[in-house]
Amino acid sequence: MLISSWNVNSVRARIDNIKKYIIKYKPDILMMQEIKTENKYFPFDDFSTLNYESYVFGQKSYNGVAIISKIKLQNIKLDLIKDKERQSRIISGELKYKNKNVKLINIYTPNGNPIDTEKYSYKIKWLDDLIKQLKSLIKKNPNIIVCGDFNIIPTTEDVYNSKSFEDDALFKLEIRKKYREIINLGFIDVFRNFNKNKEGYTFWDYMRGAWQKNNGMRIDHFLSSYSLINHIKSVKINKNPRGWEKPSDHTPIEITLT
């Protein structure tokens, strides 16, 4: 089973690339972030034609998360985090896999910049709420996969120039500690589990030739609970879509379950 996560940076603007990706790489499940559209404008028909069912938590112009799946998902939830800002940033569902009830959680964490504004305090609050929810969920169900755009650079190895990001909300020590708090609940960073020291950028800015210079960062992650890690055969950052015409500034990250 192939499960992908991709910040598509507008599902409607990127629909041709998304369809190209799923036709070529055939993910069983694709979790998308920053779809930037209300549910009523989501391209349901484009995906149903390709035999995917869509589960959507949209928002006008900003944010938004969705899951498209060839496998019927159950217990879809949009309210794991009670967000007073009413931003569409988390969606979850469940599937049966090898006699396990696996919970899939797709997130789009707030960016948090600039750090001297309420955007940063909102990010802290959102992460605290996520940690609280995951702590509760993993006690009830040990089989959880969390993925998406975390907007967190975990370590210096995960960005092309860590010095220039020391006061950035993606790399602030306080934010990296939140990521570690999530890991310590009983999760494993899947990419680092398979690639101890390898570069694994998932995002390259549109500006300053970042893609051409490989000035990237790893901010899109798959986290697996301990009970599932032995079922994950491989993880891959698929850089090809970032080089296509009119790309998202992120590229998909994929895991294969055996």
Foldseek 3Di string as FASTA:
>chain_A
DKEKEEAFQACVLCVVLVLVVCVVPVGQKYKYKFNQDDPVPHPQVSLVVVQWGKDWDYDHRTIIIIMTHNADWADKDQPLDPDPVPHRFKIWTWDADPNATAIEIEGDQQLQPPVVDVSVVSSVVRLVSVLVSVLVVCVVGVWYKYWYQQLAFQDPLFFPHVVVCCNGSRYPPVSNVSVVSSVVSAKDFLVCVVPVRDHDFFFADPPDCRVVVVRGGHRTTMITGPVQNVQWPDKDFDCVQCPDPPGDRGGMIMIDGD
